[in-house]
Amino acid sequence: MPEKFSSVVLLRSPARFTSGQFLDRLRHLTASVGISAEIDKESQSGRSIIVMVAGVPIAVAPQNDLVPAEALESALKKSMAWPEARQAYAAHRASAAVICLIEPDGPEQALHMAMATSFVAAAVLLEADSFGLMWGTGDIMVSKAGWLDAVQSITRRSLPVADWVSLLWVKGADDGIGLVTCGASAFLGREIEMLPSALSPVEIAGKVFNFLHYMLMHNPVINENDTIGESADERIRVNYRPRGTAVNQPVMQLTVERDTPVPAASPAAAPATTQAQAATQNAAQATPQPSTDASTPPPAQVNRIRTGPTPPEPMTPFPVRSGLSTPPPRPTFGKRGRS
């Protein structure tokens, strides 16, 4: 089932967003990727505002009340990338909901709407006195600095998949480690599960994020029992299952049959490497064990997935859209990296 993208922003104090000032902030963020942002003046209601970003209606609703603990508890438990998330929750005194008001029809529209919602959430973080946010479909907590960096990665023609999707680690037999995503189904209609293997957590996370990145970039046709790989020496089997071994929902199940190790992280990837080290310790302790993004492949590690002799299709620019009568073309994106 399609899911609406949303986030809950934790605030230090109640906020009120002035439509003109907020729109200026939002346009400053979206200008570098050439997408439109407008206020929907006919849909204003009280303190809430609705913005149209590349044709996508997104509501911003400030709340003076605390976010109920049960609404964030699951995300807080696995907040490894933002260790201070629980302290931020305890200190917050208000919040703002950012909600995409329409559901996507397929992966291309899902990517379009996730990007638009991400920009609006970043504008809220900048406009208000904020701590960070919870991204709903991924059940993941991200700090203010982390989310602003994620949005900046979009302006650098990349996809912040590790901030949209969290990971649930699964310990298999013979000390093998696997994982299943939380949030990939919002884009693909199913989660991604990598069965336990001898690969390290940083290698597993890197391959899964790379696979998701490729799927969103190119929307390739991958059939039941196809194999994929980042090189001629790597073979990962893809199967479509009605439910995974760790989750009771449809998955794309990946089985490593022949692997190529992920290269060592470059110095520029230090933040991701720190997350990977934490995930390595976490993955070895429990079965299953949730975590957030264990590692985002640094720029040198994001390779194109080899699915056969046909090269990947060319990437096309992300256009300005006034509506969603047709699925928007895929954006031009490169390799994700955090500076």
C-alpha atoms as a PDB file:
ATOM      1  CA  MET A   1       0.000   0.000   0.000  1.00  0.00           C
ATOM      2  CA  PRO A   2       1.289   3.516  -0.761  1.00  0.00           C
ATOM      3  CA  GLU A   3       2.440   5.548   2.217  1.00  0.00           C
ATOM      4  CA  LYS A   4       2.363   9.292   2.745  1.00  0.00           C
ATOM      5  CA  PHE A   5       5.721  10.799   3.625  1.00  0.00           C
ATOM      6  CA  SER A   6       5.819  12.764   6.857  1.00  0.00           C
ATOM      7  CA  SER A   7       8.058  13.934   9.651  1.00  0.00           C
ATOM      8  CA  VAL A   8       7.698  15.223  13.205  1.00  0.00           C
ATOM      9  CA  VAL A   9      10.081  18.054  14.066  1.00  0.00           C
ATOM     10  CA  LEU A  10      11.015  18.477  17.744  1.00  0.00           C
ATOM     11  CA  LEU A  11      11.047  22.136  18.839  1.00  0.00           C
ATOM     12  CA  ARG A  12      12.460  23.897  21.893  1.00  0.00           C
ATOM     13  CA  SER A  13       9.456  26.225  22.010  1.00  0.00           C
ATOM     14  CA  PRO A  14       6.174  26.746  20.149  1.00  0.00           C
ATOM     15  CA  ALA A  15       6.588  28.170  16.661  1.00  0.00           C
ATOM     16  CA  ARG A  16       4.426  30.105  14.283  1.00  0.00           C
ATOM     17  CA  PHE A  17       5.371  30.128  10.630  1.00  0.00           C
ATOM     18  CA  THR A  18       4.772  33.262   8.577  1.00  0.00           C
ATOM     19  CA  SER A  19       3.925  32.151   5.058  1.00  0.00           C
ATOM     20  CA  GLY A  20       6.079  34.735   3.283  1.00  0.00           C
ATOM     21  CA  GLN A  21       9.156  34.240   5.444  1.00  0.00           C
ATOM     22  CA  PHE A  22       8.808  30.463   5.410  1.00  0.00           C
ATOM     23  CA  LEU A  23       8.450  30.449   1.623  1.00  0.00           C
ATOM     24  CA  ASP A  24      11.633  32.489   1.242  1.00  0.00           C
ATOM     25  CA  ARG A  25      13.476  29.969   3.407  1.00  0.00           C
ATOM     26  CA  LEU A  26      12.089  27.053   1.397  1.00  0.00           C
ATOM     27  CA  ARG A  27      12.873  28.614  -1.967  1.00  0.00           C
ATOM     28  CA  HIS A  28      16.450  29.199  -0.856  1.00  0.00           C
ATOM     29  CA  LEU A  29      16.753  25.430  -0.348  1.00  0.00           C
ATOM     30  CA  THR A  30      15.011  24.338  -3.542  1.00  0.00           C
ATOM     31  CA  ALA A  31      16.520  26.909  -5.909  1.00  0.00           C
ATOM     32  CA  SER A  32      19.717  24.930  -6.460  1.00  0.00           C
ATOM     33  CA  VAL A  33      17.795  21.962  -7.886  1.00  0.00           C
ATOM     34  CA  GLY A  34      15.403  24.107  -9.906  1.00  0.00           C
ATOM     35  CA  ILE A  35      12.091  23.051  -8.389  1.00  0.00           C
ATOM     36  CA  SER A  36       9.219  25.381  -7.597  1.00  0.00           C
ATOM     37  CA  ALA A  37       7.817  26.279  -4.175  1.00  0.00           C
ATOM     38  CA  GLU A  38       4.591  28.211  -3.604  1.00  0.00           C
ATOM     39  CA  ILE A  39       2.140  28.839  -0.772  1.00  0.00           C
ATOM     40  CA  ASP A  40      -1.304  27.364  -1.349  1.00  0.00           C
ATOM     41  CA  LYS A  41      -3.192  30.466  -0.229  1.00  0.00           C
ATOM     42  CA  GLU A  42      -6.612  28.853  -0.685  1.00  0.00           C
ATOM     43  CA  SER A  43      -5.891  26.102   1.815  1.00  0.00           C
ATOM     44  CA  GLN A  44      -4.679  28.031   4.852  1.00  0.00           C
ATOM     45  CA  SER A  45      -6.201  26.932   8.140  1.00  0.00           C
ATOM     46  CA  GLY A  46      -5.335  28.585  11.437  1.00  0.00           C
ATOM     47  CA  ARG A  47      -1.657  28.245  12.258  1.00  0.00           C
ATOM     48  CA  SER A  48      -1.032  25.586   9.595  1.00  0.00           C
ATOM     49  CA  ILE A  49       0.193  26.351   6.107  1.00  0.00           C
ATOM     50  CA  ILE A  50       0.266  24.288   2.936  1.00  0.00           C
ATOM     51  CA  VAL A  51       3.082  24.642   0.450  1.00  0.00           C
ATOM     52  CA  MET A  52       3.296  23.290  -3.085  1.00  0.00           C
ATOM     53  CA  VAL A  53       6.778  21.967  -3.837  1.00  0.00           C
ATOM     54  CA  ALA A  54       7.212  20.819  -7.436  1.00  0.00           C
ATOM     55  CA  GLY A  55       3.460  20.272  -7.544  1.00  0.00           C
ATOM     56  CA  VAL A  56       3.318  18.315  -4.285  1.00  0.00           C
ATOM     57  CA  PRO A  57       1.027  19.685  -1.524  1.00  0.00           C
ATOM     58  CA  ILE A  58       2.702  19.506   1.882  1.00  0.00           C
ATOM     59  CA  ALA A  59       1.177  20.698   5.160  1.00  0.00           C
ATOM     60  CA  VAL A  60       3.144  22.269   8.005  1.00  0.00           C
ATOM     61  CA  ALA A  61       1.210  22.076  11.266  1.00  0.00           C
ATOM     62  CA  PRO A  62       2.810  23.522  14.436  1.00  0.00           C
ATOM     63  CA  GLN A  63       1.765  21.858  17.692  1.00  0.00           C
ATOM     64  CA  ASN A  64       2.103  23.412  21.139  1.00  0.00           C
ATOM     65  CA  ASP A  65       1.847  20.036  22.881  1.00  0.00           C
ATOM     66  CA  LEU A  66       4.557  17.461  23.516  1.00  0.00           C
ATOM     67  CA  VAL A  67       4.813  14.541  21.133  1.00  0.00           C
ATOM     68  CA  PRO A  68       3.442  11.431  22.911  1.00  0.00           C
ATOM     69  CA  ALA A  69       6.267   9.125  23.970  1.00  0.00           C
ATOM     70  CA  GLU A  70       4.713   6.113  22.265  1.00  0.00           C
ATOM     71  CA  ALA A  71       4.776   7.912  18.916  1.00  0.00           C
ATOM     72  CA  LEU A  72       8.578   8.082  18.899  1.00  0.00           C
ATOM     73  CA  GLU A  73       9.647   5.221  21.167  1.00  0.00           C
ATOM     74  CA  SER A  74      10.420   2.784  18.365  1.00  0.00           C
ATOM     75  CA  ALA A  75      12.581   5.315  16.513  1.00  0.00           C
ATOM     76  CA  LEU A  76      14.291   6.440  19.723  1.00  0.00           C
ATOM     77  CA  LYS A  77      15.285   2.868  20.605  1.00  0.00           C
ATOM     78  CA  LYS A  78      17.280   2.524  17.410  1.00  0.00           C
ATOM     79  CA  SER A  79      18.674   6.047  17.231  1.00  0.00           C
ATOM     80  CA  MET A  80      22.348   5.193  16.837  1.00  0.00           C
ATOM     81  CA  ALA A  81      23.123   7.882  14.270  1.00  0.00           C
ATOM     82  CA  TRP A  82      21.765  10.526  16.680  1.00  0.00           C
ATOM     83  CA  PRO A  83      22.742   9.383  20.193  1.00  0.00           C
ATOM     84  CA  GLU A  84      21.299  12.524  21.782  1.00  0.00           C
ATOM     85  CA  ALA A  85      17.821  11.943  20.341  1.00  0.00           C
ATOM     86  CA  ARG A  86      16.341  10.805  23.644  1.00  0.00           C
ATOM     87  CA  GLN A  87      17.683  13.879  25.448  1.00  0.00           C
ATOM     88  CA  ALA A  88      16.255  16.049  22.688  1.00  0.00           C
ATOM     89  CA  TYR A  89      12.882  14.385  23.110  1.00  0.00           C
ATOM     90  CA  ALA A  90      12.981  15.014  26.871  1.00  0.00           C
ATOM     91  CA  ALA A  91      13.836  18.684  26.307  1.00  0.00           C
ATOM     92  CA  HIS A  92      11.362  19.449  23.520  1.00  0.00           C
ATOM     93  CA  ARG A  93       8.375  21.640  24.361  1.00  0.00           C
ATOM     94  CA  ALA A  94       6.538  21.735  21.035  1.00  0.00           C
ATOM     95  CA  SER A  95       6.618  20.167  17.602  1.00  0.00           C
ATOM     96  CA  ALA A  96       5.665  20.647  13.978  1.00  0.00           C
ATOM     97  CA  ALA A  97       4.177  17.990  11.718  1.00  0.00           C
ATOM     98  CA  VAL A  98       5.248  18.002   8.073  1.00  0.00           C
ATOM     99  CA  ILE A  99       2.879  15.868   5.999  1.00  0.00           C
ATOM    100  CA  CYS A 100       2.737  15.134   2.278  1.00  0.00           C
ATOM    101  CA  LEU A 101      -0.981  15.266   1.544  1.00  0.00           C
ATOM    102  CA  ILE A 102      -1.058  12.808  -1.371  1.00  0.00           C
ATOM    103  CA  GLU A 103       0.121   9.243  -1.808  1.00  0.00           C
ATOM    104  CA  PRO A 104       2.574   8.265  -4.550  1.00  0.00           C
ATOM    105  CA  ASP A 105       1.660   6.116  -7.505  1.00  0.00           C
ATOM    106  CA  GLY A 106       4.841   4.154  -8.050  1.00  0.00           C
ATOM    107  CA  PRO A 107       8.546   4.578  -7.244  1.00  0.00           C
ATOM    108  CA  GLU A 108       9.096   7.693  -9.359  1.00  0.00           C
ATOM    109  CA  GLN A 109       6.360   9.670  -7.662  1.00  0.00           C
ATOM    110  CA  ALA A 110       7.503   8.333  -4.278  1.00  0.00           C
ATOM    111  CA  LEU A 111      10.981   9.727  -4.879  1.00  0.00           C
ATOM    112  CA  HIS A 112       9.498  13.013  -6.075  1.00  0.00           C
ATOM    113  CA  MET A 113       7.357  13.337  -2.935  1.00  0.00           C
ATOM    114  CA  ALA A 114      10.083  12.225  -0.512  1.00  0.00           C
ATOM    115  CA  MET A 115      12.392  14.909  -1.865  1.00  0.00           C
ATOM    116  CA  ALA A 116       9.701  17.585  -1.652  1.00  0.00           C
ATOM    117  CA  THR A 117       8.798  16.601   1.922  1.00  0.00           C
ATOM    118  CA  SER A 118      12.472  16.556   2.877  1.00  0.00           C
ATOM    119  CA  PHE A 119      12.951  20.140   1.686  1.00  0.00           C
ATOM    120  CA  VAL A 120       9.930  21.359   3.656  1.00  0.00           C
ATOM    121  CA  ALA A 121      11.120  19.573   6.810  1.00  0.00           C
ATOM    122  CA  ALA A 122      14.526  21.237   6.400  1.00  0.00           C
ATOM    123  CA  ALA A 123      12.868  24.646   6.095  1.00  0.00           C
ATOM    124  CA  VAL A 124      10.977  23.994   9.349  1.00  0.00           C
ATOM    125  CA  LEU A 125      14.218  23.015  11.098  1.00  0.00           C
ATOM    126  CA  LEU A 126      15.847  26.258   9.962  1.00  0.00           C
ATOM    127  CA  GLU A 127      12.885  28.529  10.623  1.00  0.00           C
ATOM    128  CA  ALA A 128      12.179  27.284  14.181  1.00  0.00           C
ATOM    129  CA  ASP A 129      14.304  26.637  17.269  1.00  0.00           C
ATOM    130  CA  SER A 130      14.617  22.905  16.668  1.00  0.00           C
ATOM    131  CA  PHE A 131      16.468  19.754  17.716  1.00  0.00           C
ATOM    132  CA  GLY A 132      15.863  17.344  14.863  1.00  0.00           C
ATOM    133  CA  LEU A 133      13.105  15.150  13.520  1.00  0.00           C
ATOM    134  CA  MET A 134      11.588  11.728  13.085  1.00  0.00           C
ATOM    135  CA  TRP A 135      11.109  10.623   9.470  1.00  0.00           C
ATOM    136  CA  GLY A 136       7.900   8.627   9.556  1.00  0.00           C
ATOM    137  CA  THR A 137       8.166   5.984   6.834  1.00  0.00           C
ATOM    138  CA  GLY A 138      11.692   5.059   7.921  1.00  0.00           C
ATOM    139  CA  ASP A 139      10.933   5.263  11.651  1.00  0.00           C
ATOM    140  CA  ILE A 140      14.266   7.017  12.014  1.00  0.00           C
ATOM    141  CA  MET A 141      15.487   9.917  14.175  1.00  0.00           C
ATOM    142  CA  VAL A 142      17.806  12.430  12.510  1.00  0.00           C
ATOM    143  CA  SER A 143      19.448  15.440  14.141  1.00  0.00           C
ATOM    144  CA  LYS A 144      19.006  18.941  12.745  1.00  0.00           C
ATOM    145  CA  ALA A 145      22.560  18.969  11.397  1.00  0.00           C
ATOM    146  CA  GLY A 146      22.135  15.493   9.938  1.00  0.00           C
ATOM    147  CA  TRP A 147      18.900  16.384   8.125  1.00  0.00           C
ATOM    148  CA  LEU A 148      20.270  19.627   6.731  1.00  0.00           C
ATOM    149  CA  ASP A 149      23.256  17.667   5.461  1.00  0.00           C
ATOM    150  CA  ALA A 150      20.889  15.119   3.902  1.00  0.00           C
ATOM    151  CA  VAL A 151      19.018  17.865   2.051  1.00  0.00           C
ATOM    152  CA  GLN A 152      22.309  19.391   0.947  1.00  0.00           C
ATOM    153  CA  SER A 153      23.202  16.004  -0.541  1.00  0.00           C
ATOM    154  CA  ILE A 154      20.104  16.341  -2.756  1.00  0.00           C
ATOM    155  CA  THR A 155      21.366  19.709  -3.980  1.00  0.00           C
ATOM    156  CA  ARG A 156      24.642  17.928  -4.783  1.00  0.00           C
ATOM    157  CA  ARG A 157      22.665  15.500  -6.957  1.00  0.00           C
ATOM    158  CA  SER A 158      22.605  12.585  -4.544  1.00  0.00           C
ATOM    159  CA  LEU A 159      19.967  10.694  -2.568  1.00  0.00           C
ATOM    160  CA  PRO A 160      19.997  10.568   1.259  1.00  0.00           C
ATOM    161  CA  VAL A 161      18.734   6.984   1.400  1.00  0.00           C
ATOM    162  CA  ALA A 162      20.367   6.391   4.808  1.00  0.00           C
ATOM    163  CA  ASP A 163      18.237   9.207   6.256  1.00  0.00           C
ATOM    164  CA  TRP A 164      15.030   7.889   4.688  1.00  0.00           C
ATOM    165  CA  VAL A 165      15.479   4.246   5.663  1.00  0.00           C
ATOM    166  CA  SER A 166      16.530   2.553   8.903  1.00  0.00           C
ATOM    167  CA  LEU A 167      17.925  -0.952   9.313  1.00  0.00           C
ATOM    168  CA  LEU A 168      16.912  -3.881  11.471  1.00  0.00           C
ATOM    169  CA  TRP A 169      19.871  -6.184  12.059  1.00  0.00           C
ATOM    170  CA  VAL A 170      19.391  -9.954  12.182  1.00  0.00           C
ATOM    171  CA  LYS A 171      21.938 -12.386  13.574  1.00  0.00           C
ATOM    172  CA  GLY A 172      21.933 -15.699  11.723  1.00  0.00           C
ATOM    173  CA  ALA A 173      23.568 -19.061  12.200  1.00  0.00           C
ATOM    174  CA  ASP A 174      27.359 -19.384  12.303  1.00  0.00           C
ATOM    175  CA  ASP A 175      27.691 -15.753  13.430  1.00  0.00           C
ATOM    176  CA  GLY A 176      26.420 -14.432  10.081  1.00  0.00           C
ATOM    177  CA  ILE A 177      24.732 -11.026  10.036  1.00  0.00           C
ATOM    178  CA  GLY A 178      21.823  -9.903   7.875  1.00  0.00           C
ATOM    179  CA  LEU A 179      19.345  -7.054   7.859  1.00  0.00           C
ATOM    180  CA  VAL A 180      15.960  -5.860   6.716  1.00  0.00           C
ATOM    181  CA  THR A 181      15.110  -2.256   5.890  1.00  0.00           C
ATOM    182  CA  CYS A 182      12.390  -0.116   7.420  1.00  0.00           C
ATOM    183  CA  GLY A 183      11.146   2.457   4.941  1.00  0.00           C
ATOM    184  CA  ALA A 184      12.141   1.053   1.554  1.00  0.00           C
ATOM    185  CA  SER A 185       8.548  -0.107   1.081  1.00  0.00           C
ATOM    186  CA  ALA A 186       7.465   3.535   0.830  1.00  0.00           C
ATOM    187  CA  PHE A 187       9.444   3.694  -2.417  1.00  0.00           C
ATOM    188  CA  LEU A 188       9.432   0.125  -3.755  1.00  0.00           C
ATOM    189  CA  GLY A 189       6.254  -1.344  -2.285  1.00  0.00           C
ATOM    190  CA  ARG A 190       8.311  -3.835  -0.246  1.00  0.00           C
ATOM    191  CA  GLU A 191      11.275  -3.863   2.108  1.00  0.00           C
ATOM    192  CA  ILE A 192      14.767  -5.090   1.224  1.00  0.00           C
ATOM    193  CA  GLU A 193      16.086  -8.060   3.190  1.00  0.00           C
ATOM    194  CA  MET A 194      19.649  -9.314   2.944  1.00  0.00           C
ATOM    195  CA  LEU A 195      19.970 -12.798   4.375  1.00  0.00           C
ATOM    196  CA  PRO A 196      22.765 -13.402   6.909  1.00  0.00           C
ATOM    197  CA  SER A 197      26.213 -13.850   5.411  1.00  0.00           C
ATOM    198  CA  ALA A 198      29.860 -13.617   6.406  1.00  0.00           C
ATOM    199  CA  LEU A 199      30.049  -9.991   5.283  1.00  0.00           C
ATOM    200  CA  SER A 200      30.640  -7.319   7.918  1.00  0.00           C
ATOM    201  CA  PRO A 201      27.823  -4.916   8.890  1.00  0.00           C
ATOM    202  CA  VAL A 202      29.482  -2.031   7.040  1.00  0.00           C
ATOM    203  CA  GLU A 203      29.687  -4.151   3.869  1.00  0.00           C
ATOM    204  CA  ILE A 204      26.080  -5.337   4.200  1.00  0.00           C
ATOM    205  CA  ALA A 205      24.714  -1.855   4.841  1.00  0.00           C
ATOM    206  CA  GLY A 206      26.788  -0.438   2.010  1.00  0.00           C
ATOM    207  CA  LYS A 207      25.444  -2.975  -0.469  1.00  0.00           C
ATOM    208  CA  VAL A 208      21.829  -2.525   0.635  1.00  0.00           C
ATOM    209  CA  PHE A 209      21.989   1.273   0.521  1.00  0.00           C
ATOM    210  CA  ASN A 210      23.779   1.097  -2.823  1.00  0.00           C
ATOM    211  CA  PHE A 211      21.075  -1.247  -4.155  1.00  0.00           C
ATOM    212  CA  LEU A 212      18.273   1.037  -2.941  1.00  0.00           C
ATOM    213  CA  HIS A 213      20.063   4.078  -4.352  1.00  0.00           C
ATOM    214  CA  TYR A 214      20.331   2.340  -7.722  1.00  0.00           C
ATOM    215  CA  MET A 215      16.681   1.244  -7.679  1.00  0.00           C
ATOM    216  CA  LEU A 216      15.505   4.806  -7.025  1.00  0.00           C
ATOM    217  CA  MET A 217      17.885   6.304  -9.571  1.00  0.00           C
ATOM    218  CA  HIS A 218      17.095   3.957 -12.452  1.00  0.00           C
ATOM    219  CA  ASN A 219      13.927   2.015 -11.599  1.00  0.00           C
ATOM    220  CA  PRO A 220      15.319  -1.066 -13.369  1.00  0.00           C
ATOM    221  CA  VAL A 221      13.330  -4.214 -14.089  1.00  0.00           C
ATOM    222  CA  ILE A 222      14.687  -6.947 -11.812  1.00  0.00           C
ATOM    223  CA  ASN A 223      12.897 -10.247 -12.162  1.00  0.00           C
ATOM    224  CA  GLU A 224      12.505 -13.142  -9.753  1.00  0.00           C
ATOM    225  CA  ASN A 225      15.765 -15.084  -9.387  1.00  0.00           C
ATOM    226  CA  ASP A 226      17.860 -12.479 -11.240  1.00  0.00           C
ATOM    227  CA  THR A 227      21.356 -11.808  -9.969  1.00  0.00           C
ATOM    228  CA  ILE A 228      22.916  -8.399  -9.435  1.00  0.00           C
ATOM    229  CA  GLY A 229      26.405  -7.238  -8.599  1.00  0.00           C
ATOM    230  CA  GLU A 230      28.693  -4.251  -8.476  1.00  0.00           C
ATOM    231  CA  SER A 231      31.336  -6.118 -10.465  1.00  0.00           C
ATOM    232  CA  ALA A 232      31.775  -9.266 -12.513  1.00  0.00           C
ATOM    233  CA  ASP A 233      33.051 -11.009  -9.371  1.00  0.00           C
ATOM    234  CA  GLU A 234      29.949 -10.331  -7.290  1.00  0.00           C
ATOM    235  CA  ARG A 235      26.676 -12.222  -7.486  1.00  0.00           C
ATOM    236  CA  ILE A 236      23.667 -11.478  -5.272  1.00  0.00           C
ATOM    237  CA  ARG A 237      20.456 -13.399  -5.930  1.00  0.00           C
ATOM    238  CA  VAL A 238      17.157 -11.466  -5.850  1.00  0.00           C
ATOM    239  CA  ASN A 239      13.910 -13.167  -4.854  1.00  0.00           C
ATOM    240  CA  TYR A 240      10.487 -11.646  -4.234  1.00  0.00           C
ATOM    241  CA  ARG A 241       8.931 -13.060  -1.071  1.00  0.00           C
ATOM    242  CA  PRO A 242       5.428 -12.399   0.317  1.00  0.00           C
ATOM    243  CA  ARG A 243       7.063 -12.062   3.746  1.00  0.00           C
ATOM    244  CA  GLY A 244      10.602 -11.887   5.030  1.00  0.00           C
ATOM    245  CA  THR A 245      12.361 -14.040   7.585  1.00  0.00           C
ATOM    246  CA  ALA A 246      12.423 -11.122  10.057  1.00  0.00           C
ATOM    247  CA  VAL A 247       9.325  -9.129   9.009  1.00  0.00           C
ATOM    248  CA  ASN A 248       5.807 -10.195   8.126  1.00  0.00           C
ATOM    249  CA  GLN A 249       5.557  -8.161   4.928  1.00  0.00           C
ATOM    250  CA  PRO A 250       6.688  -8.414   1.301  1.00  0.00           C
ATOM    251  CA  VAL A 251      10.429  -8.159   0.717  1.00  0.00           C
ATOM    252  CA  MET A 252      13.024  -8.179  -2.016  1.00  0.00           C
ATOM    253  CA  GLN A 253      15.261 -10.848  -0.552  1.00  0.00           C
ATOM    254  CA  LEU A 254      18.965 -10.631  -1.380  1.00  0.00           C
ATOM    255  CA  THR A 255      21.224 -13.665  -1.013  1.00  0.00           C
ATOM    256  CA  VAL A 256      24.991 -13.271  -1.341  1.00  0.00           C
ATOM    257  CA  GLU A 257      26.311 -16.091  -3.526  1.00  0.00           C
ATOM    258  CA  ARG A 258      29.626 -14.527  -4.408  1.00  0.00           C
ATOM    259  CA  ASP A 259      30.787 -11.256  -2.927  1.00  0.00           C
ATOM    260  CA  THR A 260      33.173  -8.404  -3.532  1.00  0.00           C
ATOM    261  CA  PRO A 261      34.213  -6.576  -0.332  1.00  0.00           C
ATOM    262  CA  VAL A 262      33.289  -2.919  -0.051  1.00  0.00           C
ATOM    263  CA  PRO A 263      36.477  -0.794  -0.316  1.00  0.00           C
ATOM    264  CA  ALA A 264      37.864   0.836   2.806  1.00  0.00           C
ATOM    265  CA  ALA A 265      36.185   4.126   3.676  1.00  0.00           C
ATOM    266  CA  SER A 266      37.873   7.310   2.534  1.00  0.00           C
ATOM    267  CA  PRO A 267      38.736  10.064   5.046  1.00  0.00           C
ATOM    268  CA  ALA A 268      35.760  12.078   3.776  1.00  0.00           C
ATOM    269  CA  ALA A 269      33.452   9.312   4.977  1.00  0.00           C
ATOM    270  CA  ALA A 270      34.409   9.529   8.641  1.00  0.00           C
ATOM    271  CA  PRO A 271      30.842  10.168   9.959  1.00  0.00           C
ATOM    272  CA  ALA A 272      29.511   7.120   8.127  1.00  0.00           C
ATOM    273  CA  THR A 273      32.449   5.039   9.319  1.00  0.00           C
ATOM    274  CA  THR A 274      31.659   5.966  12.932  1.00  0.00           C
ATOM    275  CA  GLN A 275      28.073   4.834  12.425  1.00  0.00           C
ATOM    276  CA  ALA A 276      29.304   1.582  10.911  1.00  0.00           C
ATOM    277  CA  GLN A 277      31.506   0.842  13.899  1.00  0.00           C
ATOM    278  CA  ALA A 278      28.544   1.335  16.223  1.00  0.00           C
ATOM    279  CA  ALA A 279      26.431  -0.923  14.042  1.00  0.00           C
ATOM    280  CA  THR A 280      29.118  -3.608  14.083  1.00  0.00           C
ATOM    281  CA  GLN A 281      28.999  -3.725  17.882  1.00  0.00           C
ATOM    282  CA  ASN A 282      25.205  -3.613  17.901  1.00  0.00           C
ATOM    283  CA  ALA A 283      24.744  -6.321  15.274  1.00  0.00           C
ATOM    284  CA  ALA A 284      26.835  -8.769  17.244  1.00  0.00           C
ATOM    285  CA  GLN A 285      24.793  -8.462  20.419  1.00  0.00           C
ATOM    286  CA  ALA A 286      21.215  -9.468  19.682  1.00  0.00           C
ATOM    287  CA  THR A 287      18.868 -11.274  17.306  1.00  0.00           C
ATOM    288  CA  PRO A 288      17.292  -9.294  15.765  1.00  0.00           C
ATOM    289  CA  GLN A 289      18.721  -5.923  16.754  1.00  0.00           C
ATOM    290  CA  PRO A 290      17.439  -2.625  15.352  1.00  0.00           C
ATOM    291  CA  SER A 291      19.697   0.197  14.323  1.00  0.00           C
ATOM    292  CA  THR A 292      19.658   3.227  12.100  1.00  0.00           C
ATOM    293  CA  ASP A 293      21.829   3.684   9.049  1.00  0.00           C
ATOM    294  CA  ALA A 294      24.934   1.620   9.730  1.00  0.00           C
ATOM    295  CA  SER A 295      26.835   3.155   6.894  1.00  0.00           C
ATOM    296  CA  THR A 296      26.231   5.286   3.871  1.00  0.00           C
ATOM    297  CA  PRO A 297      28.647   4.228   1.158  1.00  0.00           C
ATOM    298  CA  PRO A 298      31.161   7.044   0.725  1.00  0.00           C
ATOM    299  CA  PRO A 299      31.418   8.528  -2.759  1.00  0.00           C
ATOM    300  CA  ALA A 300      34.072   6.078  -3.943  1.00  0.00           C
ATOM    301  CA  GLN A 301      31.908   3.140  -2.901  1.00  0.00           C
ATOM    302  CA  VAL A 302      28.690   4.025  -4.736  1.00  0.00           C
ATOM    303  CA  ASN A 303      28.991   1.917  -7.870  1.00  0.00           C
ATOM    304  CA  ARG A 304      26.405   1.121 -10.484  1.00  0.00           C
ATOM    305  CA  ILE A 305      24.717  -2.221  -9.972  1.00  0.00           C
ATOM    306  CA  ARG A 306      25.465  -4.690 -12.775  1.00  0.00           C
ATOM    307  CA  THR A 307      22.223  -6.417 -13.809  1.00  0.00           C
ATOM    308  CA  GLY A 308      23.296  -7.692 -17.217  1.00  0.00           C
ATOM    309  CA  PRO A 309      25.009  -6.601 -20.441  1.00  0.00           C
ATOM    310  CA  THR A 310      22.755  -3.544 -20.914  1.00  0.00           C
ATOM    311  CA  PRO A 311      24.281  -0.430 -19.285  1.00  0.00           C
ATOM    312  CA  PRO A 312      22.177   1.628 -16.844  1.00  0.00           C
ATOM    313  CA  GLU A 313      19.816   4.079 -18.519  1.00  0.00           C
ATOM    314  CA  PRO A 314      20.864   7.742 -18.594  1.00  0.00           C
ATOM    315  CA  MET A 315      19.683   9.871 -15.694  1.00  0.00           C
ATOM    316  CA  THR A 316      17.450  12.824 -16.560  1.00  0.00           C
ATOM    317  CA  PRO A 317      17.073  16.207 -14.832  1.00  0.00           C
ATOM    318  CA  PHE A 318      14.547  16.794 -12.058  1.00  0.00           C
ATOM    319  CA  PRO A 319      12.096  19.290 -13.622  1.00  0.00           C
ATOM    320  CA  VAL A 320       9.808  21.993 -12.309  1.00  0.00           C
ATOM    321  CA  ARG A 321       6.346  20.466 -12.099  1.00  0.00           C
ATOM    322  CA  SER A 322       2.992  22.164 -11.676  1.00  0.00           C
ATOM    323  CA  GLY A 323       1.161  18.915 -11.037  1.00  0.00           C
ATOM    324  CA  LEU A 324       1.423  15.160 -10.907  1.00  0.00           C
ATOM    325  CA  SER A 325      -0.831  14.096 -13.767  1.00  0.00           C
ATOM    326  CA  THR A 326       2.104  12.033 -15.002  1.00  0.00           C
ATOM    327  CA  PRO A 327       4.936  10.559 -12.943  1.00  0.00           C
ATOM    328  CA  PRO A 328       7.830  13.025 -12.811  1.00  0.00           C
ATOM    329  CA  PRO A 329      11.037  11.909 -14.522  1.00  0.00           C
ATOM    330  CA  ARG A 330      13.834  10.681 -12.326  1.00  0.00           C
ATOM    331  CA  PRO A 331      16.306  13.285 -11.114  1.00  0.00           C
ATOM    332  CA  THR A 332      19.916  13.647 -12.088  1.00  0.00           C
ATOM    333  CA  PHE A 333      21.859  12.421  -9.102  1.00  0.00           C
ATOM    334  CA  GLY A 334      25.418  11.399  -8.496  1.00  0.00           C
ATOM    335  CA  LYS A 335      27.224   9.842  -5.605  1.00  0.00           C
ATOM    336  CA  ARG A 336      26.107  10.510  -2.073  1.00  0.00           C
ATOM    337  CA  GLY A 337      28.642  11.936   0.296  1.00  0.00           C
ATOM    338  CA  ARG A 338      28.684  13.972   3.472  1.00  0.00           C
ATOM    339  CA  SER A 339      31.103  16.814   3.873  1.00  0.00           C
END
